[in-house]
Amino acid sequence: MATTKKVPQRRNKNAGKSTGKSKSSKYFAANPKAKAKKNAYNTAYHSTDARKTYRADLNKETRKKSTPGKDVSHKKDGTTTREKRSTNRARNGKGGKPSKK
């Protein structure tokens, strides 16, 4: 039985260097106070018990179904399904309008 050679992960040298091309990313790049305010809000919002429970439930569902390379994705009827990570994370809709399956 042949073993495969493990190759170490390479760090993306471009990560965090660009500010993005959307209107909001340009706005926050030009307004550090607004960006700090937004980050403070996001920190408070995502540290609430409701958000922690939400993330824990999705992580539990992901572990339960344990399909490598797939996310738990939400459908219009509120249920979840397995979907490729790239497809799930790319679906942001035209003009920022979400488009659930």
PDB file of N, CA and C in Angstrom:
ATOM      1  N   MET A   1       0.845  -1.169   0.000  1.00  0.00           N
ATOM      2  CA  MET A   1       0.000   0.000   0.000  1.00  0.00           C
ATOM      3  C   MET A   1       0.898   1.242   0.000  1.00  0.00           C
ATOM      4  N   ALA A   2       0.709   2.123  -0.968  1.00  0.00           N
ATOM      5  CA  ALA A   2       1.517   3.334  -1.076  1.00  0.00           C
ATOM      6  C   ALA A   2       0.943   4.432  -0.189  1.00  0.00           C
ATOM      7  N   THR A   3       1.827   5.148   0.469  1.00  0.00           N
ATOM      8  CA  THR A   3       1.375   6.271   1.290  1.00  0.00           C
ATOM      9  C   THR A   3       1.591   7.559   0.517  1.00  0.00           C
ATOM     10  N   THR A   4       0.713   8.501   0.753  1.00  0.00           N
ATOM     11  CA  THR A   4       0.843   9.784   0.065  1.00  0.00           C
ATOM     12  C   THR A   4       1.677  10.723   0.902  1.00  0.00           C
ATOM     13  N   LYS A   5       2.437  11.538   0.224  1.00  0.00           N
ATOM     14  CA  LYS A   5       3.302  12.503   0.899  1.00  0.00           C
ATOM     15  C   LYS A   5       2.466  13.694   1.348  1.00  0.00           C
ATOM     16  N   LYS A   6       2.595  14.070   2.613  1.00  0.00           N
ATOM     17  CA  LYS A   6       1.850  15.220   3.120  1.00  0.00           C
ATOM     18  C   LYS A   6       2.602  16.502   2.769  1.00  0.00           C
ATOM     19  N   VAL A   7       1.893  17.433   2.176  1.00  0.00           N
ATOM     20  CA  VAL A   7       2.477  18.714   1.800  1.00  0.00           C
ATOM     21  C   VAL A   7       1.948  19.769   2.769  1.00  0.00           C
ATOM     22  N   PRO A   8       2.821  20.558   3.385  1.00  0.00           N
ATOM     23  CA  PRO A   8       2.338  21.565   4.333  1.00  0.00           C
ATOM     24  C   PRO A   8       1.527  22.642   3.632  1.00  0.00           C
ATOM     25  N   GLN A   9       0.556  23.191   4.357  1.00  0.00           N
ATOM     26  CA  GLN A   9      -0.267  24.267   3.812  1.00  0.00           C
ATOM     27  C   GLN A   9       0.571  25.533   3.661  1.00  0.00           C
ATOM     28  N   ARG A  10       0.351  26.243   2.588  1.00  0.00           N
ATOM     29  CA  ARG A  10       1.055  27.509   2.356  1.00  0.00           C
ATOM     30  C   ARG A  10       0.152  28.655   2.777  1.00  0.00           C
ATOM     31  N   ARG A  11       0.727  29.660   3.402  1.00  0.00           N
ATOM     32  CA  ARG A  11      -0.050  30.828   3.806  1.00  0.00           C
ATOM     33  C   ARG A  11      -0.308  31.698   2.589  1.00  0.00           C
ATOM     34  N   ASN A  12      -1.509  32.200   2.474  1.00  0.00           N
ATOM     35  CA  ASN A  12      -1.848  33.104   1.385  1.00  0.00           C
ATOM     36  C   ASN A  12      -1.231  34.466   1.671  1.00  0.00           C
ATOM     37  N   LYS A  13      -0.235  34.859   0.876  1.00  0.00           N
ATOM     38  CA  LYS A  13       0.472  36.124   1.115  1.00  0.00           C
ATOM     39  C   LYS A  13      -0.409  37.341   0.839  1.00  0.00           C
ATOM     40  N   ASN A  14      -1.474  37.150   0.076  1.00  0.00           N
ATOM     41  CA  ASN A  14      -2.353  38.264  -0.272  1.00  0.00           C
ATOM     42  C   ASN A  14      -3.507  38.438   0.709  1.00  0.00           C
ATOM     43  N   ALA A  15      -3.623  37.542   1.670  1.00  0.00           N
ATOM     44  CA  ALA A  15      -4.749  37.611   2.610  1.00  0.00           C
ATOM     45  C   ALA A  15      -4.696  38.902   3.415  1.00  0.00           C
ATOM     46  N   GLY A  16      -5.790  39.644   3.402  1.00  0.00           N
ATOM     47  CA  GLY A  16      -5.893  40.864   4.180  1.00  0.00           C
ATOM     48  C   GLY A  16      -5.228  42.079   3.563  1.00  0.00           C
ATOM     49  N   LYS A  17      -4.653  41.947   2.379  1.00  0.00           N
ATOM     50  CA  LYS A  17      -3.952  43.072   1.758  1.00  0.00           C
ATOM     51  C   LYS A  17      -4.904  43.986   0.994  1.00  0.00           C
ATOM     52  N   SER A  18      -5.920  43.410   0.362  1.00  0.00           N
ATOM     53  CA  SER A  18      -6.799  44.220  -0.461  1.00  0.00           C
ATOM     54  C   SER A  18      -8.023  44.643   0.342  1.00  0.00           C
ATOM     55  N   THR A  19      -8.588  45.789  -0.014  1.00  0.00           N
ATOM     56  CA  THR A  19      -9.756  46.284   0.706  1.00  0.00           C
ATOM     57  C   THR A  19     -11.054  45.859   0.052  1.00  0.00           C
ATOM     58  N   GLY A  20     -10.995  45.244  -1.115  1.00  0.00           N
ATOM     59  CA  GLY A  20     -12.205  44.811  -1.792  1.00  0.00           C
ATOM     60  C   GLY A  20     -12.713  45.857  -2.757  1.00  0.00           C
ATOM     61  N   LYS A  21     -13.722  45.484  -3.519  1.00  0.00           N
ATOM     62  CA  LYS A  21     -14.215  46.371  -4.570  1.00  0.00           C
ATOM     63  C   LYS A  21     -15.643  46.837  -4.346  1.00  0.00           C
ATOM     64  N   SER A  22     -16.308  46.319  -3.331  1.00  0.00           N
ATOM     65  CA  SER A  22     -17.700  46.714  -3.104  1.00  0.00           C
ATOM     66  C   SER A  22     -17.759  48.123  -2.525  1.00  0.00           C
ATOM     67  N   LYS A  23     -18.936  48.726  -2.612  1.00  0.00           N
ATOM     68  CA  LYS A  23     -19.116  50.077  -2.073  1.00  0.00           C
ATOM     69  C   LYS A  23     -18.826  50.115  -0.583  1.00  0.00           C
ATOM     70  N   SER A  24     -19.336  49.100   0.131  1.00  0.00           N
ATOM     71  CA  SER A  24     -19.159  49.105   1.583  1.00  0.00           C
ATOM     72  C   SER A  24     -17.699  48.924   1.966  1.00  0.00           C
ATOM     73  N   SER A  25     -16.966  48.068   1.252  1.00  0.00           N
ATOM     74  CA  SER A  25     -15.563  47.860   1.599  1.00  0.00           C
ATOM     75  C   SER A  25     -14.746  49.133   1.355  1.00  0.00           C
ATOM     76  N   LYS A  26     -15.076  49.845   0.279  1.00  0.00           N
ATOM     77  CA  LYS A  26     -14.384  51.115   0.007  1.00  0.00           C
ATOM     78  C   LYS A  26     -14.728  52.148   1.073  1.00  0.00           C
ATOM     79  N   TYR A  27     -15.991  52.171   1.497  1.00  0.00           N
ATOM     80  CA  TYR A  27     -16.425  53.112   2.522  1.00  0.00           C
ATOM     81  C   TYR A  27     -15.690  52.861   3.832  1.00  0.00           C
ATOM     82  N   PHE A  28     -15.659  51.594   4.259  1.00  0.00           N
ATOM     83  CA  PHE A  28     -15.018  51.279   5.533  1.00  0.00           C
ATOM     84  C   PHE A  28     -13.503  51.457   5.471  1.00  0.00           C
ATOM     85  N   ALA A  29     -12.912  51.276   4.290  1.00  0.00           N
ATOM     86  CA  ALA A  29     -11.477  51.514   4.142  1.00  0.00           C
ATOM     87  C   ALA A  29     -11.162  53.007   4.288  1.00  0.00           C
ATOM     88  N   ALA A  30     -12.095  53.863   3.833  1.00  0.00           N
ATOM     89  CA  ALA A  30     -11.885  55.309   3.888  1.00  0.00           C
ATOM     90  C   ALA A  30     -12.336  55.918   5.218  1.00  0.00           C
ATOM     91  N   ASN A  31     -13.115  55.172   6.013  1.00  0.00           N
ATOM     92  CA  ASN A  31     -13.651  55.697   7.274  1.00  0.00           C
ATOM     93  C   ASN A  31     -13.339  54.739   8.426  1.00  0.00           C
ATOM     94  N   PRO A  32     -12.138  54.873   9.019  1.00  0.00           N
ATOM     95  CA  PRO A  32     -11.729  53.944  10.073  1.00  0.00           C
ATOM     96  C   PRO A  32     -12.640  53.982  11.303  1.00  0.00           C
ATOM     97  N   LYS A  33     -13.223  55.148  11.619  1.00  0.00           N
ATOM     98  CA  LYS A  33     -14.123  55.224  12.781  1.00  0.00           C
ATOM     99  C   LYS A  33     -15.388  54.402  12.542  1.00  0.00           C
ATOM    100  N   ALA A  34     -15.907  54.482  11.320  1.00  0.00           N
ATOM    101  CA  ALA A  34     -17.099  53.711  10.977  1.00  0.00           C
ATOM    102  C   ALA A  34     -16.789  52.213  11.007  1.00  0.00           C
ATOM    103  N   LYS A  35     -15.592  51.852  10.535  1.00  0.00           N
ATOM    104  CA  LYS A  35     -15.195  50.448  10.540  1.00  0.00           C
ATOM    105  C   LYS A  35     -15.067  49.935  11.976  1.00  0.00           C
ATOM    106  N   ALA A  36     -14.491  50.759  12.863  1.00  0.00           N
ATOM    107  CA  ALA A  36     -14.339  50.369  14.271  1.00  0.00           C
ATOM    108  C   ALA A  36     -15.706  50.202  14.930  1.00  0.00           C
ATOM    109  N   LYS A  37     -16.640  51.112  14.591  1.00  0.00           N
ATOM    110  CA  LYS A  37     -17.989  51.033  15.148  1.00  0.00           C
ATOM    111  C   LYS A  37     -18.695  49.755  14.676  1.00  0.00           C
ATOM    112  N   LYS A  38     -18.545  49.446  13.391  1.00  0.00           N
ATOM    113  CA  LYS A  38     -19.147  48.248  12.826  1.00  0.00           C
ATOM    114  C   LYS A  38     -18.553  46.990  13.468  1.00  0.00           C
ATOM    115  N   ASN A  39     -17.230  46.963  13.639  1.00  0.00           N
ATOM    116  CA  ASN A  39     -16.575  45.810  14.249  1.00  0.00           C
ATOM    117  C   ASN A  39     -17.007  45.632  15.701  1.00  0.00           C
ATOM    118  N   ALA A  40     -17.206  46.748  16.415  1.00  0.00           N
ATOM    119  CA  ALA A  40     -17.669  46.673  17.805  1.00  0.00           C
ATOM    120  C   ALA A  40     -19.081  46.092  17.859  1.00  0.00           C
ATOM    121  N   TYR A  41     -19.937  46.531  16.940  1.00  0.00           N
ATOM    122  CA  TYR A  41     -21.298  45.999  16.875  1.00  0.00           C
ATOM    123  C   TYR A  41     -21.275  44.497  16.577  1.00  0.00           C
ATOM    124  N   ASN A  42     -20.482  44.114  15.556  1.00  0.00           N
ATOM    125  CA  ASN A  42     -20.412  42.703  15.169  1.00  0.00           C
ATOM    126  C   ASN A  42     -19.898  41.830  16.306  1.00  0.00           C
ATOM    127  N   THR A  43     -18.908  42.336  17.048  1.00  0.00           N
ATOM    128  CA  THR A  43     -18.366  41.588  18.179  1.00  0.00           C
ATOM    129  C   THR A  43     -19.451  41.358  19.224  1.00  0.00           C
ATOM    130  N   ALA A  44     -20.210  42.408  19.534  1.00  0.00           N
ATOM    131  CA  ALA A  44     -21.279  42.290  20.530  1.00  0.00           C
ATOM    132  C   ALA A  44     -22.385  41.359  20.027  1.00  0.00           C
ATOM    133  N   TYR A  45     -22.755  41.514  18.770  1.00  0.00           N
ATOM    134  CA  TYR A  45     -23.838  40.711  18.188  1.00  0.00           C
ATOM    135  C   TYR A  45     -23.487  39.221  18.172  1.00  0.00           C
ATOM    136  N   HIS A  46     -22.279  38.911  17.721  1.00  0.00           N
ATOM    137  CA  HIS A  46     -21.904  37.511  17.575  1.00  0.00           C
ATOM    138  C   HIS A  46     -21.501  36.857  18.887  1.00  0.00           C
ATOM    139  N   SER A  47     -21.423  37.629  19.958  1.00  0.00           N
ATOM    140  CA  SER A  47     -21.107  37.022  21.252  1.00  0.00           C
ATOM    141  C   SER A  47     -22.360  36.810  22.100  1.00  0.00           C
ATOM    142  N   THR A  48     -23.538  37.102  21.548  1.00  0.00           N
ATOM    143  CA  THR A  48     -24.788  36.863  22.284  1.00  0.00           C
ATOM    144  C   THR A  48     -25.057  35.363  22.364  1.00  0.00           C
ATOM    145  N   ASP A  49     -25.815  34.969  23.357  1.00  0.00           N
ATOM    146  CA  ASP A  49     -26.131  33.554  23.543  1.00  0.00           C
ATOM    147  C   ASP A  49     -26.895  32.981  22.350  1.00  0.00           C
ATOM    148  N   ALA A  50     -27.761  33.798  21.753  1.00  0.00           N
ATOM    149  CA  ALA A  50     -28.552  33.315  20.618  1.00  0.00           C
ATOM    150  C   ALA A  50     -27.648  32.949  19.438  1.00  0.00           C
ATOM    151  N   ARG A  51     -26.659  33.792  19.143  1.00  0.00           N
ATOM    152  CA  ARG A  51     -25.758  33.522  18.021  1.00  0.00           C
ATOM    153  C   ARG A  51     -24.843  32.335  18.319  1.00  0.00           C
ATOM    154  N   LYS A  52     -24.408  32.213  19.580  1.00  0.00           N
ATOM    155  CA  LYS A  52     -23.560  31.080  19.959  1.00  0.00           C
ATOM    156  C   LYS A  52     -24.323  29.769  19.798  1.00  0.00           C
ATOM    157  N   THR A  53     -25.585  29.776  20.225  1.00  0.00           N
ATOM    158  CA  THR A  53     -26.420  28.587  20.102  1.00  0.00           C
ATOM    159  C   THR A  53     -26.640  28.243  18.632  1.00  0.00           C
ATOM    160  N   TYR A  54     -26.896  29.267  17.825  1.00  0.00           N
ATOM    161  CA  TYR A  54     -27.109  29.083  16.388  1.00  0.00           C
ATOM    162  C   TYR A  54     -25.888  28.420  15.742  1.00  0.00           C
ATOM    163  N   ARG A  55     -24.698  28.961  16.043  1.00  0.00           N
ATOM    164  CA  ARG A  55     -23.473  28.399  15.478  1.00  0.00           C
ATOM    165  C   ARG A  55     -23.230  26.983  15.987  1.00  0.00           C
ATOM    166  N   ALA A  56     -23.494  26.764  17.270  1.00  0.00           N
ATOM    167  CA  ALA A  56     -23.293  25.433  17.850  1.00  0.00           C
ATOM    168  C   ALA A  56     -24.202  24.409  17.187  1.00  0.00           C
ATOM    169  N   ASP A  57     -25.453  24.795  16.917  1.00  0.00           N
ATOM    170  CA  ASP A  57     -26.399  23.882  16.266  1.00  0.00           C
ATOM    171  C   ASP A  57     -25.941  23.528  14.848  1.00  0.00           C
ATOM    172  N   LEU A  58     -25.457  24.532  14.109  1.00  0.00           N
ATOM    173  CA  LEU A  58     -24.977  24.262  12.755  1.00  0.00           C
ATOM    174  C   LEU A  58     -23.728  23.384  12.781  1.00  0.00           C
ATOM    175  N   ASN A  59     -22.826  23.643  13.731  1.00  0.00           N
ATOM    176  CA  ASN A  59     -21.619  22.823  13.850  1.00  0.00           C
ATOM    177  C   ASN A  59     -21.974  21.388  14.202  1.00  0.00           C
ATOM    178  N   LYS A  60     -22.974  21.220  15.080  1.00  0.00           N
ATOM    179  CA  LYS A  60     -23.420  19.886  15.467  1.00  0.00           C
ATOM    180  C   LYS A  60     -23.981  19.147  14.247  1.00  0.00           C
ATOM    181  N   GLU A  61     -24.775  19.865  13.456  1.00  0.00           N
ATOM    182  CA  GLU A  61     -25.352  19.281  12.241  1.00  0.00           C
ATOM    183  C   GLU A  61     -24.245  18.894  11.255  1.00  0.00           C
ATOM    184  N   THR A  62     -23.233  19.750  11.119  1.00  0.00           N
ATOM    185  CA  THR A  62     -22.116  19.475  10.217  1.00  0.00           C
ATOM    186  C   THR A  62     -21.361  18.227  10.666  1.00  0.00           C
ATOM    187  N   ARG A  63     -21.092  18.126  11.975  1.00  0.00           N
ATOM    188  CA  ARG A  63     -20.386  16.951  12.503  1.00  0.00           C
ATOM    189  C   ARG A  63     -21.217  15.682  12.323  1.00  0.00           C
ATOM    190  N   LYS A  64     -22.532  15.813  12.527  1.00  0.00           N
ATOM    191  CA  LYS A  64     -23.419  14.662  12.438  1.00  0.00           C
ATOM    192  C   LYS A  64     -23.433  14.084  11.020  1.00  0.00           C
ATOM    193  N   LYS A  65     -23.497  14.964  10.040  1.00  0.00           N
ATOM    194  CA  LYS A  65     -23.552  14.510   8.649  1.00  0.00           C
ATOM    195  C   LYS A  65     -22.159  14.226   8.096  1.00  0.00           C
ATOM    196  N   SER A  66     -21.159  14.847   8.651  1.00  0.00           N
ATOM    197  CA  SER A  66     -19.730  14.650   8.366  1.00  0.00           C
ATOM    198  C   SER A  66     -19.397  14.294   6.923  1.00  0.00           C
ATOM    199  N   THR A  67     -19.711  15.191   6.024  1.00  0.00           N
ATOM    200  CA  THR A  67     -19.296  15.052   4.637  1.00  0.00           C
ATOM    201  C   THR A  67     -18.187  16.062   4.400  1.00  0.00           C
ATOM    202  N   PRO A  68     -16.969  15.605   4.090  1.00  0.00           N
ATOM    203  CA  PRO A  68     -15.856  16.540   3.908  1.00  0.00           C
ATOM    204  C   PRO A  68     -16.108  17.515   2.767  1.00  0.00           C
ATOM    205  N   GLY A  69     -15.768  18.772   2.984  1.00  0.00           N
ATOM    206  CA  GLY A  69     -15.892  19.787   1.943  1.00  0.00           C
ATOM    207  C   GLY A  69     -17.285  20.328   1.732  1.00  0.00           C
ATOM    208  N   LYS A  70     -18.216  19.985   2.635  1.00  0.00           N
ATOM    209  CA  LYS A  70     -19.585  20.476   2.482  1.00  0.00           C
ATOM    210  C   LYS A  70     -20.016  21.248   3.720  1.00  0.00           C
ATOM    211  N   ASP A  71     -20.907  22.210   3.507  1.00  0.00           N
ATOM    212  CA  ASP A  71     -21.470  23.027   4.579  1.00  0.00           C
ATOM    213  C   ASP A  71     -22.932  22.641   4.802  1.00  0.00           C
ATOM    214  N   VAL A  72     -23.439  23.052   5.950  1.00  0.00           N
ATOM    215  CA  VAL A  72     -24.875  22.962   6.197  1.00  0.00           C
ATOM    216  C   VAL A  72     -25.456  24.254   5.653  1.00  0.00           C
ATOM    217  N   SER A  73     -26.318  24.151   4.665  1.00  0.00           N
ATOM    218  CA  SER A  73     -26.882  25.317   3.992  1.00  0.00           C
ATOM    219  C   SER A  73     -28.367  25.422   4.302  1.00  0.00           C
ATOM    220  N   HIS A  74     -28.864  26.652   4.442  1.00  0.00           N
ATOM    221  CA  HIS A  74     -30.272  26.865   4.745  1.00  0.00           C
ATOM    222  C   HIS A  74     -31.102  26.932   3.477  1.00  0.00           C
ATOM    223  N   LYS A  75     -32.312  26.378   3.567  1.00  0.00           N
ATOM    224  CA  LYS A  75     -33.256  26.430   2.458  1.00  0.00           C
ATOM    225  C   LYS A  75     -34.372  27.408   2.806  1.00  0.00           C
ATOM    226  N   LYS A  76     -35.191  27.745   1.822  1.00  0.00           N
ATOM    227  CA  LYS A  76     -36.262  28.722   2.028  1.00  0.00           C
ATOM    228  C   LYS A  76     -37.249  28.290   3.091  1.00  0.00           C
ATOM    229  N   ASP A  77     -37.489  26.985   3.197  1.00  0.00           N
ATOM    230  CA  ASP A  77     -38.471  26.511   4.170  1.00  0.00           C
ATOM    231  C   ASP A  77     -37.909  26.405   5.590  1.00  0.00           C
ATOM    232  N   GLY A  78     -36.643  26.813   5.774  1.00  0.00           N
ATOM    233  CA  GLY A  78     -36.057  26.823   7.120  1.00  0.00           C
ATOM    234  C   GLY A  78     -35.275  25.575   7.461  1.00  0.00           C
ATOM    235  N   THR A  79     -35.355  24.543   6.626  1.00  0.00           N
ATOM    236  CA  THR A  79     -34.589  23.336   6.887  1.00  0.00           C
ATOM    237  C   THR A  79     -33.163  23.509   6.379  1.00  0.00           C
ATOM    238  N   THR A  80     -32.324  22.540   6.694  1.00  0.00           N
ATOM    239  CA  THR A  80     -30.946  22.619   6.231  1.00  0.00           C
ATOM    240  C   THR A  80     -30.642  21.449   5.308  1.00  0.00           C
ATOM    241  N   THR A  81     -29.620  21.638   4.475  1.00  0.00           N
ATOM    242  CA  THR A  81     -29.181  20.602   3.557  1.00  0.00           C
ATOM    243  C   THR A  81     -27.673  20.691   3.416  1.00  0.00           C
ATOM    244  N   ARG A  82     -27.049  19.645   2.871  1.00  0.00           N
ATOM    245  CA  ARG A  82     -25.613  19.654   2.633  1.00  0.00           C
ATOM    246  C   ARG A  82     -25.343  20.256   1.262  1.00  0.00           C
ATOM    247  N   GLU A  83     -24.307  21.106   1.198  1.00  0.00           N
ATOM    248  CA  GLU A  83     -24.001  21.759  -0.068  1.00  0.00           C
ATOM    249  C   GLU A  83     -22.517  22.077  -0.106  1.00  0.00           C
ATOM    250  N   LYS A  84     -21.944  22.096  -1.313  1.00  0.00           N
ATOM    251  CA  LYS A  84     -20.536  22.435  -1.448  1.00  0.00           C
ATOM    252  C   LYS A  84     -20.271  23.791  -0.795  1.00  0.00           C
ATOM    253  N   ARG A  85     -19.157  23.905  -0.099  1.00  0.00           N
ATOM    254  CA  ARG A  85     -18.831  25.163   0.582  1.00  0.00           C
ATOM    255  C   ARG A  85     -18.772  26.330  -0.382  1.00  0.00           C
ATOM    256  N   SER A  86     -18.132  26.120  -1.536  1.00  0.00           N
ATOM    257  CA  SER A  86     -17.971  27.210  -2.490  1.00  0.00           C
ATOM    258  C   SER A  86     -19.319  27.717  -2.982  1.00  0.00           C
ATOM    259  N   THR A  87     -20.247  26.820  -3.237  1.00  0.00           N
ATOM    260  CA  THR A  87     -21.573  27.204  -3.721  1.00  0.00           C
ATOM    261  C   THR A  87     -22.355  27.926  -2.632  1.00  0.00           C
ATOM    262  N   ASN A  88     -22.292  27.391  -1.417  1.00  0.00           N
ATOM    263  CA  ASN A  88     -23.035  27.968  -0.300  1.00  0.00           C
ATOM    264  C   ASN A  88     -22.546  29.382   0.011  1.00  0.00           C
ATOM    265  N   ARG A  89     -21.241  29.562   0.052  1.00  0.00           N
ATOM    266  CA  ARG A  89     -20.678  30.860   0.449  1.00  0.00           C
ATOM    267  C   ARG A  89     -20.709  31.872  -0.676  1.00  0.00           C
ATOM    268  N   ALA A  90     -20.827  31.408  -1.913  1.00  0.00           N
ATOM    269  CA  ALA A  90     -20.852  32.321  -3.052  1.00  0.00           C
ATOM    270  C   ALA A  90     -22.236  32.901  -3.276  1.00  0.00           C
ATOM    271  N   ARG A  91     -23.267  32.257  -2.731  1.00  0.00           N
ATOM    272  CA  ARG A  91     -24.626  32.700  -2.978  1.00  0.00           C
ATOM    273  C   ARG A  91     -24.960  33.921  -2.134  1.00  0.00           C
ATOM    274  N   ASN A  92     -24.748  35.074  -2.694  1.00  0.00           N
ATOM    275  CA  ASN A  92     -25.091  36.297  -1.973  1.00  0.00           C
ATOM    276  C   ASN A  92     -26.109  37.095  -2.770  1.00  0.00           C
ATOM    277  N   GLY A  93     -26.458  36.624  -3.929  1.00  0.00           N
ATOM    278  CA  GLY A  93     -27.472  37.288  -4.728  1.00  0.00           C
ATOM    279  C   GLY A  93     -26.980  38.547  -5.403  1.00  0.00           C
ATOM    280  N   LYS A  94     -27.664  38.935  -6.453  1.00  0.00           N
ATOM    281  CA  LYS A  94     -27.301  40.150  -7.174  1.00  0.00           C
ATOM    282  C   LYS A  94     -27.686  41.363  -6.349  1.00  0.00           C
ATOM    283  N   GLY A  95     -26.788  42.298  -6.208  1.00  0.00           N
ATOM    284  CA  GLY A  95     -27.068  43.526  -5.465  1.00  0.00           C
ATOM    285  C   GLY A  95     -27.180  43.278  -3.966  1.00  0.00           C
ATOM    286  N   GLY A  96     -26.557  42.194  -3.464  1.00  0.00           N
ATOM    287  CA  GLY A  96     -26.593  41.915  -2.046  1.00  0.00           C
ATOM    288  C   GLY A  96     -27.871  41.280  -1.562  1.00  0.00           C
ATOM    289  N   LYS A  97     -28.767  40.951  -2.497  1.00  0.00           N
ATOM    290  CA  LYS A  97     -30.023  40.313  -2.112  1.00  0.00           C
ATOM    291  C   LYS A  97     -29.794  38.820  -1.999  1.00  0.00           C
ATOM    292  N   PRO A  98     -30.051  38.242  -0.832  1.00  0.00           N
ATOM    293  CA  PRO A  98     -29.813  36.806  -0.689  1.00  0.00           C
ATOM    294  C   PRO A  98     -30.807  35.988  -1.509  1.00  0.00           C
ATOM    295  N   SER A  99     -30.347  34.834  -1.944  1.00  0.00           N
ATOM    296  CA  SER A  99     -31.238  33.982  -2.726  1.00  0.00           C
ATOM    297  C   SER A  99     -31.086  32.553  -2.221  1.00  0.00           C
ATOM    298  N   LYS A 100     -31.864  32.221  -1.209  1.00  0.00           N
ATOM    299  CA  LYS A 100     -31.814  30.854  -0.676  1.00  0.00           C
ATOM    300  C   LYS A 100     -32.472  29.902  -1.648  1.00  0.00           C
ATOM    301  N   LYS A 101     -32.090  28.642  -1.536  1.00  0.00           N
ATOM    302  CA  LYS A 101     -32.661  27.611  -2.418  1.00  0.00           C
ATOM    303  C   LYS A 101     -34.105  27.360  -2.078  1.00  0.00           C
TER     304      LYS A 101
END
